[in-house]
Amino acid sequence: MLKKAILVAVLLLGLLVAYNLLLQITNATRSSDRLSEAADRVYKLELENRQLKAKLAQIQSPQFIEEQARNKLGLGKAGETIVVIAEEKLKQVLGSSQSAQVRLPNFLGWWKVFNP
């Protein structure tokens, strides 16, 4: 009877140790998953940081500043003449060139190619 009680106690103790061991293994695998996710997130953020630094360097360059001043503010260098075309004249010229191009439906275009 005493041997059975000792055997049951050892068996329960073994099961308890095995259960704790399994818990530690699952916690370790979860921790490694979290670590790899964090490493991926760090890599992506470093990549984005490099891209933003490159864009900042481009924006701070004198060429970019000059281009923006010319395009958005209508400024020019000393000695240059700025020409502004009236919007009505621009629409008139662009409107006539667009109406000159007649676009055929696709099937008629192919019909003309094979039946000259």
PDB file of N, CA and C in Angstrom:
ATOM      1  N   MET A   1       0.813  -1.183   0.000  1.00  0.00           N
ATOM      2  CA  MET A   1       0.000   0.000   0.000  1.00  0.00           C
ATOM      3  C   MET A   1       0.862   1.254   0.000  1.00  0.00           C
ATOM      4  N   LEU A   2       1.920   1.247   0.776  1.00  0.00           N
ATOM      5  CA  LEU A   2       2.835   2.380   0.846  1.00  0.00           C
ATOM      6  C   LEU A   2       3.563   2.566  -0.481  1.00  0.00           C
ATOM      7  N   LYS A   3       3.890   1.452  -1.133  1.00  0.00           N
ATOM      8  CA  LYS A   3       4.557   1.530  -2.428  1.00  0.00           C
ATOM      9  C   LYS A   3       3.638   2.159  -3.466  1.00  0.00           C
ATOM     10  N   LYS A   4       2.348   1.825  -3.409  1.00  0.00           N
ATOM     11  CA  LYS A   4       1.391   2.407  -4.349  1.00  0.00           C
ATOM     12  C   LYS A   4       1.239   3.904  -4.112  1.00  0.00           C
ATOM     13  N   ALA A   5       1.220   4.313  -2.857  1.00  0.00           N
ATOM     14  CA  ALA A   5       1.091   5.741  -2.535  1.00  0.00           C
ATOM     15  C   ALA A   5       2.322   6.502  -3.010  1.00  0.00           C
ATOM     16  N   ILE A   6       3.495   5.931  -2.807  1.00  0.00           N
ATOM     17  CA  ILE A   6       4.735   6.572  -3.267  1.00  0.00           C
ATOM     18  C   ILE A   6       4.745   6.633  -4.790  1.00  0.00           C
ATOM     19  N   LEU A   7       4.314   5.570  -5.442  1.00  0.00           N
ATOM     20  CA  LEU A   7       4.255   5.533  -6.906  1.00  0.00           C
ATOM     21  C   LEU A   7       3.290   6.590  -7.434  1.00  0.00           C
ATOM     22  N   VAL A   8       2.129   6.725  -6.810  1.00  0.00           N
ATOM     23  CA  VAL A   8       1.147   7.729  -7.213  1.00  0.00           C
ATOM     24  C   VAL A   8       1.721   9.128  -6.992  1.00  0.00           C
ATOM     25  N   ALA A   9       2.408   9.342  -5.854  1.00  0.00           N
ATOM     26  CA  ALA A   9       3.001  10.652  -5.560  1.00  0.00           C
ATOM     27  C   ALA A   9       4.082  10.990  -6.585  1.00  0.00           C
ATOM     28  N   VAL A  10       4.934  10.033  -6.907  1.00  0.00           N
ATOM     29  CA  VAL A  10       5.997  10.252  -7.900  1.00  0.00           C
ATOM     30  C   VAL A  10       5.379  10.525  -9.263  1.00  0.00           C
ATOM     31  N   LEU A  11       4.328   9.783  -9.592  1.00  0.00           N
ATOM     32  CA  LEU A  11       3.649   9.983 -10.867  1.00  0.00           C
ATOM     33  C   LEU A  11       3.021  11.377 -10.947  1.00  0.00           C
ATOM     34  N   LEU A  12       2.362  11.806  -9.875  1.00  0.00           N
ATOM     35  CA  LEU A  12       1.775  13.151  -9.848  1.00  0.00           C
ATOM     36  C   LEU A  12       2.859  14.226  -9.916  1.00  0.00           C
ATOM     37  N   LEU A  13       3.937  14.008  -9.214  1.00  0.00           N
ATOM     38  CA  LEU A  13       5.047  14.954  -9.248  1.00  0.00           C
ATOM     39  C   LEU A  13       5.643  15.021 -10.660  1.00  0.00           C
ATOM     40  N   GLY A  14       5.764  13.897 -11.311  1.00  0.00           N
ATOM     41  CA  GLY A  14       6.271  13.853 -12.692  1.00  0.00           C
ATOM     42  C   GLY A  14       5.345  14.584 -13.650  1.00  0.00           C
ATOM     43  N   LEU A  15       4.033  14.381 -13.488  1.00  0.00           N
ATOM     44  CA  LEU A  15       3.065  15.081 -14.331  1.00  0.00           C
ATOM     45  C   LEU A  15       3.117  16.591 -14.104  1.00  0.00           C
ATOM     46  N   LEU A  16       3.279  16.986 -12.841  1.00  0.00           N
ATOM     47  CA  LEU A  16       3.384  18.407 -12.521  1.00  0.00           C
ATOM     48  C   LEU A  16       4.635  19.020 -13.152  1.00  0.00           C
ATOM     49  N   VAL A  17       5.739  18.330 -13.086  1.00  0.00           N
ATOM     50  CA  VAL A  17       6.991  18.804 -13.695  1.00  0.00           C
ATOM     51  C   VAL A  17       6.836  18.873 -15.215  1.00  0.00           C
ATOM     52  N   ALA A  18       6.218  17.851 -15.809  1.00  0.00           N
ATOM     53  CA  ALA A  18       6.018  17.842 -17.258  1.00  0.00           C
ATOM     54  C   ALA A  18       5.104  18.982 -17.684  1.00  0.00           C
ATOM     55  N   TYR A  19       4.053  19.231 -16.912  1.00  0.00           N
ATOM     56  CA  TYR A  19       3.137  20.329 -17.224  1.00  0.00           C
ATOM     57  C   TYR A  19       3.858  21.682 -17.165  1.00  0.00           C
ATOM     58  N   ASN A  20       4.643  21.896 -16.097  1.00  0.00           N
ATOM     59  CA  ASN A  20       5.406  23.146 -15.991  1.00  0.00           C
ATOM     60  C   ASN A  20       6.417  23.288 -17.118  1.00  0.00           C
ATOM     61  N   LEU A  21       7.025  22.187 -17.505  1.00  0.00           N
ATOM     62  CA  LEU A  21       7.984  22.204 -18.608  1.00  0.00           C
ATOM     63  C   LEU A  21       7.295  22.585 -19.919  1.00  0.00           C
ATOM     64  N   LEU A  22       6.129  22.033 -20.156  1.00  0.00           N
ATOM     65  CA  LEU A  22       5.371  22.383 -21.367  1.00  0.00           C
ATOM     66  C   LEU A  22       4.965  23.858 -21.364  1.00  0.00           C
ATOM     67  N   LEU A  23       4.563  24.375 -20.205  1.00  0.00           N
ATOM     68  CA  LEU A  23       4.231  25.797 -20.112  1.00  0.00           C
ATOM     69  C   LEU A  23       5.436  26.668 -20.434  1.00  0.00           C
ATOM     70  N   GLN A  24       6.597  26.314 -19.935  1.00  0.00           N
ATOM     71  CA  GLN A  24       7.805  27.088 -20.204  1.00  0.00           C
ATOM     72  C   GLN A  24       8.180  27.021 -21.689  1.00  0.00           C
ATOM     73  N   ILE A  25       7.994  25.872 -22.300  1.00  0.00           N
ATOM     74  CA  ILE A  25       8.308  25.732 -23.732  1.00  0.00           C
ATOM     75  C   ILE A  25       7.374  26.605 -24.567  1.00  0.00           C
ATOM     76  N   THR A  26       6.077  26.577 -24.250  1.00  0.00           N
ATOM     77  CA  THR A  26       5.139  27.409 -25.020  1.00  0.00           C
ATOM     78  C   THR A  26       5.403  28.891 -24.795  1.00  0.00           C
ATOM     79  N   ASN A  27       5.756  29.282 -23.574  1.00  0.00           N
ATOM     80  CA  ASN A  27       6.094  30.686 -23.315  1.00  0.00           C
ATOM     81  C   ASN A  27       7.352  31.096 -24.083  1.00  0.00           C
ATOM     82  N   ALA A  28       8.316  30.201 -24.175  1.00  0.00           N
ATOM     83  CA  ALA A  28       9.544  30.509 -24.915  1.00  0.00           C
ATOM     84  C   ALA A  28       9.259  30.670 -26.402  1.00  0.00           C
ATOM     85  N   THR A  29       8.408  29.807 -26.956  1.00  0.00           N
ATOM     86  CA  THR A  29       8.097  29.939 -28.379  1.00  0.00           C
ATOM     87  C   THR A  29       7.299  31.217 -28.649  1.00  0.00           C
ATOM     88  N   ARG A  30       6.402  31.582 -27.742  1.00  0.00           N
ATOM     89  CA  ARG A  30       5.661  32.837 -27.905  1.00  0.00           C
ATOM     90  C   ARG A  30       6.603  34.030 -27.834  1.00  0.00           C
ATOM     91  N   SER A  31       7.551  33.952 -26.921  1.00  0.00           N
ATOM     92  CA  SER A  31       8.519  35.042 -26.792  1.00  0.00           C
ATOM     93  C   SER A  31       9.368  35.171 -28.055  1.00  0.00           C
ATOM     94  N   SER A  32       9.756  34.055 -28.631  1.00  0.00           N
ATOM     95  CA  SER A  32      10.553  34.118 -29.858  1.00  0.00           C
ATOM     96  C   SER A  32       9.720  34.668 -31.018  1.00  0.00           C
ATOM     97  N   ASP A  33       8.429  34.338 -31.052  1.00  0.00           N
ATOM     98  CA  ASP A  33       7.546  34.898 -32.083  1.00  0.00           C
ATOM     99  C   ASP A  33       7.418  36.406 -31.926  1.00  0.00           C
ATOM    100  N   ARG A  34       7.243  36.863 -30.694  1.00  0.00           N
ATOM    101  CA  ARG A  34       7.149  38.300 -30.439  1.00  0.00           C
ATOM    102  C   ARG A  34       8.451  38.995 -30.795  1.00  0.00           C
ATOM    103  N   LEU A  35       9.556  38.351 -30.508  1.00  0.00           N
ATOM    104  CA  LEU A  35      10.861  38.923 -30.826  1.00  0.00           C
ATOM    105  C   LEU A  35      11.060  39.047 -32.331  1.00  0.00           C
ATOM    106  N   SER A  36      10.664  38.023 -33.080  1.00  0.00           N
ATOM    107  CA  SER A  36      10.815  38.087 -34.542  1.00  0.00           C
ATOM    108  C   SER A  36       9.874  39.135 -35.136  1.00  0.00           C
ATOM    109  N   GLU A  37       8.667  39.272 -34.587  1.00  0.00           N
ATOM    110  CA  GLU A  37       7.749  40.319 -35.055  1.00  0.00           C
ATOM    111  C   GLU A  37       8.314  41.701 -34.772  1.00  0.00           C
ATOM    112  N   ALA A  38       8.908  41.865 -33.605  1.00  0.00           N
ATOM    113  CA  ALA A  38       9.511  43.154 -33.263  1.00  0.00           C
ATOM    114  C   ALA A  38      10.703  43.447 -34.170  1.00  0.00           C
ATOM    115  N   ALA A  39      11.487  42.427 -34.492  1.00  0.00           N
ATOM    116  CA  ALA A  39      12.623  42.624 -35.388  1.00  0.00           C
ATOM    117  C   ALA A  39      12.145  43.022 -36.784  1.00  0.00           C
ATOM    118  N   ASP A  40      11.067  42.412 -37.268  1.00  0.00           N
ATOM    119  CA  ASP A  40      10.496  42.786 -38.560  1.00  0.00           C
ATOM    120  C   ASP A  40      10.005  44.230 -38.542  1.00  0.00           C
ATOM    121  N   ARG A  41       9.354  44.602 -37.453  1.00  0.00           N
ATOM    122  CA  ARG A  41       8.844  45.964 -37.319  1.00  0.00           C
ATOM    123  C   ARG A  41       9.996  46.966 -37.297  1.00  0.00           C
ATOM    124  N   VAL A  42      11.081  46.631 -36.597  1.00  0.00           N
ATOM    125  CA  VAL A  42      12.257  47.504 -36.552  1.00  0.00           C
ATOM    126  C   VAL A  42      12.872  47.638 -37.939  1.00  0.00           C
ATOM    127  N   TYR A  43      12.967  46.531 -38.670  1.00  0.00           N
ATOM    128  CA  TYR A  43      13.527  46.573 -40.023  1.00  0.00           C
ATOM    129  C   TYR A  43      12.703  47.481 -40.929  1.00  0.00           C
ATOM    130  N   LYS A  44      11.380  47.347 -40.874  1.00  0.00           N
ATOM    131  CA  LYS A  44      10.507  48.172 -41.710  1.00  0.00           C
ATOM    132  C   LYS A  44      10.622  49.642 -41.334  1.00  0.00           C
ATOM    133  N   LEU A  45      10.703  49.926 -40.039  1.00  0.00           N
ATOM    134  CA  LEU A  45      10.831  51.312 -39.604  1.00  0.00           C
ATOM    135  C   LEU A  45      12.180  51.908 -39.997  1.00  0.00           C
ATOM    136  N   GLU A  46      13.238  51.102 -39.951  1.00  0.00           N
ATOM    137  CA  GLU A  46      14.548  51.588 -40.392  1.00  0.00           C
ATOM    138  C   GLU A  46      14.545  51.876 -41.889  1.00  0.00           C
ATOM    139  N   LEU A  47      13.894  51.017 -42.652  1.00  0.00           N
ATOM    140  CA  LEU A  47      13.781  51.234 -44.094  1.00  0.00           C
ATOM    141  C   LEU A  47      13.007  52.518 -44.385  1.00  0.00           C
ATOM    142  N   GLU A  48      11.895  52.703 -43.692  1.00  0.00           N
ATOM    143  CA  GLU A  48      11.103  53.920 -43.869  1.00  0.00           C
ATOM    144  C   GLU A  48      11.905  55.148 -43.439  1.00  0.00           C
ATOM    145  N   ASN A  49      12.680  55.016 -42.381  1.00  0.00           N
ATOM    146  CA  ASN A  49      13.506  56.124 -41.906  1.00  0.00           C
ATOM    147  C   ASN A  49      14.539  56.513 -42.960  1.00  0.00           C
ATOM    148  N   ARG A  50      15.180  55.526 -43.582  1.00  0.00           N
ATOM    149  CA  ARG A  50      16.152  55.820 -44.644  1.00  0.00           C
ATOM    150  C   ARG A  50      15.482  56.519 -45.821  1.00  0.00           C
ATOM    151  N   GLN A  51      14.284  56.058 -46.198  1.00  0.00           N
ATOM    152  CA  GLN A  51      13.574  56.685 -47.305  1.00  0.00           C
ATOM    153  C   GLN A  51      13.203  58.127 -46.971  1.00  0.00           C
ATOM    154  N   LEU A  52      12.754  58.353 -45.747  1.00  0.00           N
ATOM    155  CA  LEU A  52      12.384  59.712 -45.344  1.00  0.00           C
ATOM    156  C   LEU A  52      13.605  60.626 -45.278  1.00  0.00           C
ATOM    157  N   LYS A  53      14.743  60.100 -44.840  1.00  0.00           N
ATOM    158  CA  LYS A  53      15.972  60.910 -44.819  1.00  0.00           C
ATOM    159  C   LYS A  53      16.408  61.271 -46.234  1.00  0.00           C
ATOM    160  N   ALA A  54      16.283  60.316 -47.160  1.00  0.00           N
ATOM    161  CA  ALA A  54      16.640  60.600 -48.551  1.00  0.00           C
ATOM    162  C   ALA A  54      15.715  61.660 -49.132  1.00  0.00           C
ATOM    163  N   LYS A  55      14.417  61.561 -48.839  1.00  0.00           N
ATOM    164  CA  LYS A  55      13.462  62.549 -49.333  1.00  0.00           C
ATOM    165  C   LYS A  55      13.730  63.913 -48.710  1.00  0.00           C
ATOM    166  N   LEU A  56      14.095  63.953 -47.427  1.00  0.00           N
ATOM    167  CA  LEU A  56      14.423  65.210 -46.766  1.00  0.00           C
ATOM    168  C   LEU A  56      15.645  65.849 -47.397  1.00  0.00           C
ATOM    169  N   ALA A  57      16.650  65.038 -47.714  1.00  0.00           N
ATOM    170  CA  ALA A  57      17.843  65.570 -48.371  1.00  0.00           C
ATOM    171  C   ALA A  57      17.488  66.129 -49.743  1.00  0.00           C
ATOM    172  N   GLN A  58      16.597  65.453 -50.452  1.00  0.00           N
ATOM    173  CA  GLN A  58      16.175  65.934 -51.771  1.00  0.00           C
ATOM    174  C   GLN A  58      15.402  67.245 -51.641  1.00  0.00           C
ATOM    175  N   ILE A  59      14.520  67.318 -50.665  1.00  0.00           N
ATOM    176  CA  ILE A  59      13.699  68.525 -50.493  1.00  0.00           C
ATOM    177  C   ILE A  59      14.537  69.712 -50.065  1.00  0.00           C
ATOM    178  N   GLN A  60      15.592  69.471 -49.311  1.00  0.00           N
ATOM    179  CA  GLN A  60      16.434  70.559 -48.842  1.00  0.00           C
ATOM    180  C   GLN A  60      17.465  70.996 -49.869  1.00  0.00           C
ATOM    181  N   SER A  61      17.546  70.297 -51.005  1.00  0.00           N
ATOM    182  CA  SER A  61      18.539  70.660 -52.016  1.00  0.00           C
ATOM    183  C   SER A  61      18.134  71.962 -52.712  1.00  0.00           C
ATOM    184  N   PRO A  62      19.114  72.746 -53.134  1.00  0.00           N
ATOM    185  CA  PRO A  62      18.809  74.014 -53.817  1.00  0.00           C
ATOM    186  C   PRO A  62      18.042  73.820 -55.132  1.00  0.00           C
ATOM    187  N   GLN A  63      18.285  72.719 -55.834  1.00  0.00           N
ATOM    188  CA  GLN A  63      17.577  72.468 -57.092  1.00  0.00           C
ATOM    189  C   GLN A  63      16.087  72.289 -56.845  1.00  0.00           C
ATOM    190  N   PHE A  64      15.732  71.548 -55.805  1.00  0.00           N
ATOM    191  CA  PHE A  64      14.321  71.320 -55.501  1.00  0.00           C
ATOM    192  C   PHE A  64      13.646  72.624 -55.106  1.00  0.00           C
ATOM    193  N   ILE A  65      14.323  73.408 -54.274  1.00  0.00           N
ATOM    194  CA  ILE A  65      13.759  74.686 -53.840  1.00  0.00           C
ATOM    195  C   ILE A  65      13.551  75.607 -55.033  1.00  0.00           C
ATOM    196  N   GLU A  66      14.528  75.647 -55.945  1.00  0.00           N
ATOM    197  CA  GLU A  66      14.393  76.485 -57.141  1.00  0.00           C
ATOM    198  C   GLU A  66      13.246  75.999 -58.020  1.00  0.00           C
ATOM    199  N   GLU A  67      13.128  74.686 -58.180  1.00  0.00           N
ATOM    200  CA  GLU A  67      12.051  74.122 -59.004  1.00  0.00           C
ATOM    201  C   GLU A  67      10.682  74.475 -58.427  1.00  0.00           C
ATOM    202  N   GLN A  68      10.541  74.367 -57.111  1.00  0.00           N
ATOM    203  CA  GLN A  68       9.267  74.702 -56.483  1.00  0.00           C
ATOM    204  C   GLN A  68       8.964  76.197 -56.611  1.00  0.00           C
ATOM    205  N   ALA A  69      10.000  77.020 -56.481  1.00  0.00           N
ATOM    206  CA  ALA A  69       9.791  78.466 -56.621  1.00  0.00           C
ATOM    207  C   ALA A  69       9.356  78.803 -58.045  1.00  0.00           C
ATOM    208  N   ARG A  70       9.913  78.126 -59.014  1.00  0.00           N
ATOM    209  CA  ARG A  70       9.534  78.395 -60.407  1.00  0.00           C
ATOM    210  C   ARG A  70       8.119  77.884 -60.697  1.00  0.00           C
ATOM    211  N   ASN A  71       7.840  76.645 -60.302  1.00  0.00           N
ATOM    212  CA  ASN A  71       6.573  76.019 -60.680  1.00  0.00           C
ATOM    213  C   ASN A  71       5.376  76.532 -59.877  1.00  0.00           C
ATOM    214  N   LYS A  72       5.559  76.690 -58.582  1.00  0.00           N
ATOM    215  CA  LYS A  72       4.413  77.028 -57.748  1.00  0.00           C
ATOM    216  C   LYS A  72       4.271  78.518 -57.488  1.00  0.00           C
ATOM    217  N   LEU A  73       5.381  79.230 -57.472  1.00  0.00           N
ATOM    218  CA  LEU A  73       5.313  80.653 -57.157  1.00  0.00           C
ATOM    219  C   LEU A  73       5.500  81.546 -58.374  1.00  0.00           C
ATOM    220  N   GLY A  74       5.912  80.969 -59.500  1.00  0.00           N
ATOM    221  CA  GLY A  74       6.098  81.750 -60.720  1.00  0.00           C
ATOM    222  C   GLY A  74       7.310  82.666 -60.651  1.00  0.00           C
ATOM    223  N   LEU A  75       8.297  82.317 -59.863  1.00  0.00           N
ATOM    224  CA  LEU A  75       9.505  83.135 -59.749  1.00  0.00           C
ATOM    225  C   LEU A  75      10.523  82.712 -60.792  1.00  0.00           C
ATOM    226  N   GLY A  76      11.453  83.599 -61.089  1.00  0.00           N
ATOM    227  CA  GLY A  76      12.498  83.300 -62.049  1.00  0.00           C
ATOM    228  C   GLY A  76      13.806  83.888 -61.579  1.00  0.00           C
ATOM    229  N   LYS A  77      14.873  83.555 -62.283  1.00  0.00           N
ATOM    230  CA  LYS A  77      16.195  84.081 -61.963  1.00  0.00           C
ATOM    231  C   LYS A  77      16.313  85.501 -62.497  1.00  0.00           C
ATOM    232  N   ALA A  78      17.330  86.171 -62.034  1.00  0.00           N
ATOM    233  CA  ALA A  78      17.580  87.529 -62.516  1.00  0.00           C
ATOM    234  C   ALA A  78      17.880  87.472 -64.011  1.00  0.00           C
ATOM    235  N   GLY A  79      17.223  88.348 -64.787  1.00  0.00           N
ATOM    236  CA  GLY A  79      17.435  88.395 -66.232  1.00  0.00           C
ATOM    237  C   GLY A  79      16.472  87.517 -67.012  1.00  0.00           C
ATOM    238  N   GLU A  80      15.698  86.681 -66.367  1.00  0.00           N
ATOM    239  CA  GLU A  80      14.734  85.844 -67.065  1.00  0.00           C
ATOM    240  C   GLU A  80      13.410  86.574 -67.191  1.00  0.00           C
ATOM    241  N   THR A  81      12.697  86.258 -68.249  1.00  0.00           N
ATOM    242  CA  THR A  81      11.373  86.825 -68.454  1.00  0.00           C
ATOM    243  C   THR A  81      10.347  85.720 -68.228  1.00  0.00           C
ATOM    244  N   ILE A  82       9.399  85.997 -67.356  1.00  0.00           N
ATOM    245  CA  ILE A  82       8.341  85.036 -67.062  1.00  0.00           C
ATOM    246  C   ILE A  82       7.184  85.310 -68.012  1.00  0.00           C
ATOM    247  N   VAL A  83       6.746  84.259 -68.712  1.00  0.00           N
ATOM    248  CA  VAL A  83       5.643  84.382 -69.662  1.00  0.00           C
ATOM    249  C   VAL A  83       4.445  83.646 -69.070  1.00  0.00           C
ATOM    250  N   VAL A  84       3.319  84.354 -68.988  1.00  0.00           N
ATOM    251  CA  VAL A  84       2.089  83.763 -68.481  1.00  0.00           C
ATOM    252  C   VAL A  84       1.083  83.750 -69.615  1.00  0.00           C
ATOM    253  N   ILE A  85       0.590  82.570 -69.951  1.00  0.00           N
ATOM    254  CA  ILE A  85      -0.388  82.432 -71.023  1.00  0.00           C
ATOM    255  C   ILE A  85      -1.772  82.461 -70.397  1.00  0.00           C
ATOM    256  N   ALA A  86      -2.624  83.274 -70.977  1.00  0.00           N
ATOM    257  CA  ALA A  86      -3.986  83.393 -70.461  1.00  0.00           C
ATOM    258  C   ALA A  86      -4.692  82.040 -70.561  1.00  0.00           C
ATOM    259  N   GLU A  87      -5.500  81.744 -69.576  1.00  0.00           N
ATOM    260  CA  GLU A  87      -6.160  80.447 -69.519  1.00  0.00           C
ATOM    261  C   GLU A  87      -7.122  80.256 -70.688  1.00  0.00           C
ATOM    262  N   GLU A  88      -7.798  81.327 -71.106  1.00  0.00           N
ATOM    263  CA  GLU A  88      -8.722  81.217 -72.239  1.00  0.00           C
ATOM    264  C   GLU A  88      -7.969  80.860 -73.513  1.00  0.00           C
ATOM    265  N   LYS A  89      -6.819  81.488 -73.715  1.00  0.00           N
ATOM    266  CA  LYS A  89      -6.022  81.207 -74.920  1.00  0.00           C
ATOM    267  C   LYS A  89      -5.493  79.768 -74.876  1.00  0.00           C
ATOM    268  N   LEU A  90      -5.088  79.344 -73.698  1.00  0.00           N
ATOM    269  CA  LEU A  90      -4.586  77.983 -73.543  1.00  0.00           C
ATOM    270  C   LEU A  90      -5.682  76.959 -73.845  1.00  0.00           C
ATOM    271  N   LYS A  91      -6.882  77.206 -73.337  1.00  0.00           N
ATOM    272  CA  LYS A  91      -7.999  76.298 -73.617  1.00  0.00           C
ATOM    273  C   LYS A  91      -8.353  76.300 -75.093  1.00  0.00           C
ATOM    274  N   GLN A  92      -8.264  77.470 -75.716  1.00  0.00           N
ATOM    275  CA  GLN A  92      -8.584  77.568 -77.143  1.00  0.00           C
ATOM    276  C   GLN A  92      -7.595  76.760 -77.966  1.00  0.00           C
ATOM    277  N   VAL A  93      -6.311  76.873 -77.642  1.00  0.00           N
ATOM    278  CA  VAL A  93      -5.290  76.135 -78.396  1.00  0.00           C
ATOM    279  C   VAL A  93      -5.383  74.645 -78.112  1.00  0.00           C
ATOM    280  N   LEU A  94      -5.510  74.281 -76.867  1.00  0.00           N
ATOM    281  CA  LEU A  94      -5.604  72.865 -76.528  1.00  0.00           C
ATOM    282  C   LEU A  94      -6.907  72.248 -77.015  1.00  0.00           C
ATOM    283  N   GLY A  95      -7.976  73.001 -76.979  1.00  0.00           N
ATOM    284  CA  GLY A  95      -9.256  72.491 -77.437  1.00  0.00           C
ATOM    285  C   GLY A  95      -9.244  72.181 -78.915  1.00  0.00           C
ATOM    286  N   SER A  96      -8.574  73.024 -79.721  1.00  0.00           N
ATOM    287  CA  SER A  96      -8.527  72.777 -81.159  1.00  0.00           C
ATOM    288  C   SER A  96      -7.656  71.582 -81.486  1.00  0.00           C
ATOM    289  N   SER A  97      -6.570  71.392 -80.738  1.00  0.00           N
ATOM    290  CA  SER A  97      -5.713  70.241 -81.032  1.00  0.00           C
ATOM    291  C   SER A  97      -6.373  68.942 -80.591  1.00  0.00           C
ATOM    292  N   GLN A  98      -7.182  68.981 -79.560  1.00  0.00           N
ATOM    293  CA  GLN A  98      -7.861  67.771 -79.117  1.00  0.00           C
ATOM    294  C   GLN A  98      -8.993  67.391 -80.057  1.00  0.00           C
ATOM    295  N   SER A  99      -9.672  68.390 -80.620  1.00  0.00           N
ATOM    296  CA  SER A  99     -10.772  68.071 -81.521  1.00  0.00           C
ATOM    297  C   SER A  99     -10.256  67.569 -82.867  1.00  0.00           C
ATOM    298  N   ALA A 100      -8.991  67.866 -83.208  1.00  0.00           N
ATOM    299  CA  ALA A 100      -8.441  67.396 -84.473  1.00  0.00           C
ATOM    300  C   ALA A 100      -8.185  65.889 -84.434  1.00  0.00           C
ATOM    301  N   GLN A 101      -7.989  65.353 -83.268  1.00  0.00           N
ATOM    302  CA  GLN A 101      -7.745  63.920 -83.151  1.00  0.00           C
ATOM    303  C   GLN A 101      -9.074  63.203 -82.974  1.00  0.00           C
ATOM    304  N   VAL A 102      -9.441  62.439 -83.986  1.00  0.00           N
ATOM    305  CA  VAL A 102     -10.676  61.674 -83.907  1.00  0.00           C
ATOM    306  C   VAL A 102     -10.295  60.249 -83.589  1.00  0.00           C
ATOM    307  N   ARG A 103     -10.791  59.747 -82.514  1.00  0.00           N
ATOM    308  CA  ARG A 103     -10.473  58.385 -82.083  1.00  0.00           C
ATOM    309  C   ARG A 103     -11.601  57.459 -82.526  1.00  0.00           C
ATOM    310  N   LEU A 104     -11.220  56.503 -83.358  1.00  0.00           N
ATOM    311  CA  LEU A 104     -12.185  55.519 -83.830  1.00  0.00           C
ATOM    312  C   LEU A 104     -12.391  54.447 -82.772  1.00  0.00           C
ATOM    313  N   PRO A 105     -13.553  53.835 -82.768  1.00  0.00           N
ATOM    314  CA  PRO A 105     -13.725  52.672 -81.896  1.00  0.00           C
ATOM    315  C   PRO A 105     -12.737  51.582 -82.293  1.00  0.00           C
ATOM    316  N   ASN A 106     -12.379  50.749 -81.367  1.00  0.00           N
ATOM    317  CA  ASN A 106     -11.349  49.747 -81.571  1.00  0.00           C
ATOM    318  C   ASN A 106     -11.655  48.827 -82.756  1.00  0.00           C
ATOM    319  N   PHE A 107     -12.880  48.368 -82.871  1.00  0.00           N
ATOM    320  CA  PHE A 107     -13.200  47.436 -83.952  1.00  0.00           C
ATOM    321  C   PHE A 107     -13.075  48.110 -85.322  1.00  0.00           C
ATOM    322  N   LEU A 108     -13.401  49.422 -85.420  1.00  0.00           N
ATOM    323  CA  LEU A 108     -13.249  50.111 -86.707  1.00  0.00           C
ATOM    324  C   LEU A 108     -11.786  50.322 -87.060  1.00  0.00           C
ATOM    325  N   GLY A 109     -10.963  50.549 -86.061  1.00  0.00           N
ATOM    326  CA  GLY A 109      -9.529  50.675 -86.309  1.00  0.00           C
ATOM    327  C   GLY A 109      -8.952  49.397 -86.888  1.00  0.00           C
ATOM    328  N   TRP A 110      -9.331  48.263 -86.302  1.00  0.00           N
ATOM    329  CA  TRP A 110      -8.864  46.983 -86.825  1.00  0.00           C
ATOM    330  C   TRP A 110      -9.458  46.709 -88.216  1.00  0.00           C
ATOM    331  N   TRP A 111     -10.694  47.117 -88.433  1.00  0.00           N
ATOM    332  CA  TRP A 111     -11.322  46.933 -89.732  1.00  0.00           C
ATOM    333  C   TRP A 111     -10.529  47.677 -90.803  1.00  0.00           C
ATOM    334  N   LYS A 112     -10.096  48.906 -90.511  1.00  0.00           N
ATOM    335  CA  LYS A 112      -9.316  49.688 -91.472  1.00  0.00           C
ATOM    336  C   LYS A 112      -7.937  49.075 -91.698  1.00  0.00           C
ATOM    337  N   VAL A 113      -7.382  48.436 -90.679  1.00  0.00           N
ATOM    338  CA  VAL A 113      -6.067  47.833 -90.845  1.00  0.00           C
ATOM    339  C   VAL A 113      -6.151  46.664 -91.814  1.00  0.00           C
ATOM    340  N   PHE A 114      -7.164  45.820 -91.695  1.00  0.00           N
ATOM    341  CA  PHE A 114      -7.260  44.619 -92.527  1.00  0.00           C
ATOM    342  C   PHE A 114      -8.059  44.814 -93.820  1.00  0.00           C
ATOM    343  N   ASN A 115      -8.797  45.916 -93.924  1.00  0.00           N
ATOM    344  CA  ASN A 115      -9.547  46.186 -95.156  1.00  0.00           C
ATOM    345  C   ASN A 115      -9.222  47.602 -95.636  1.00  0.00           C
ATOM    346  N   PRO A 116      -8.113  47.754 -96.303  1.00  0.00           N
ATOM    347  CA  PRO A 116      -7.719  49.114 -96.732  1.00  0.00           C
ATOM    348  C   PRO A 116      -8.549  49.663 -97.834  1.00  0.00           C
TER     349      PRO A 116
END
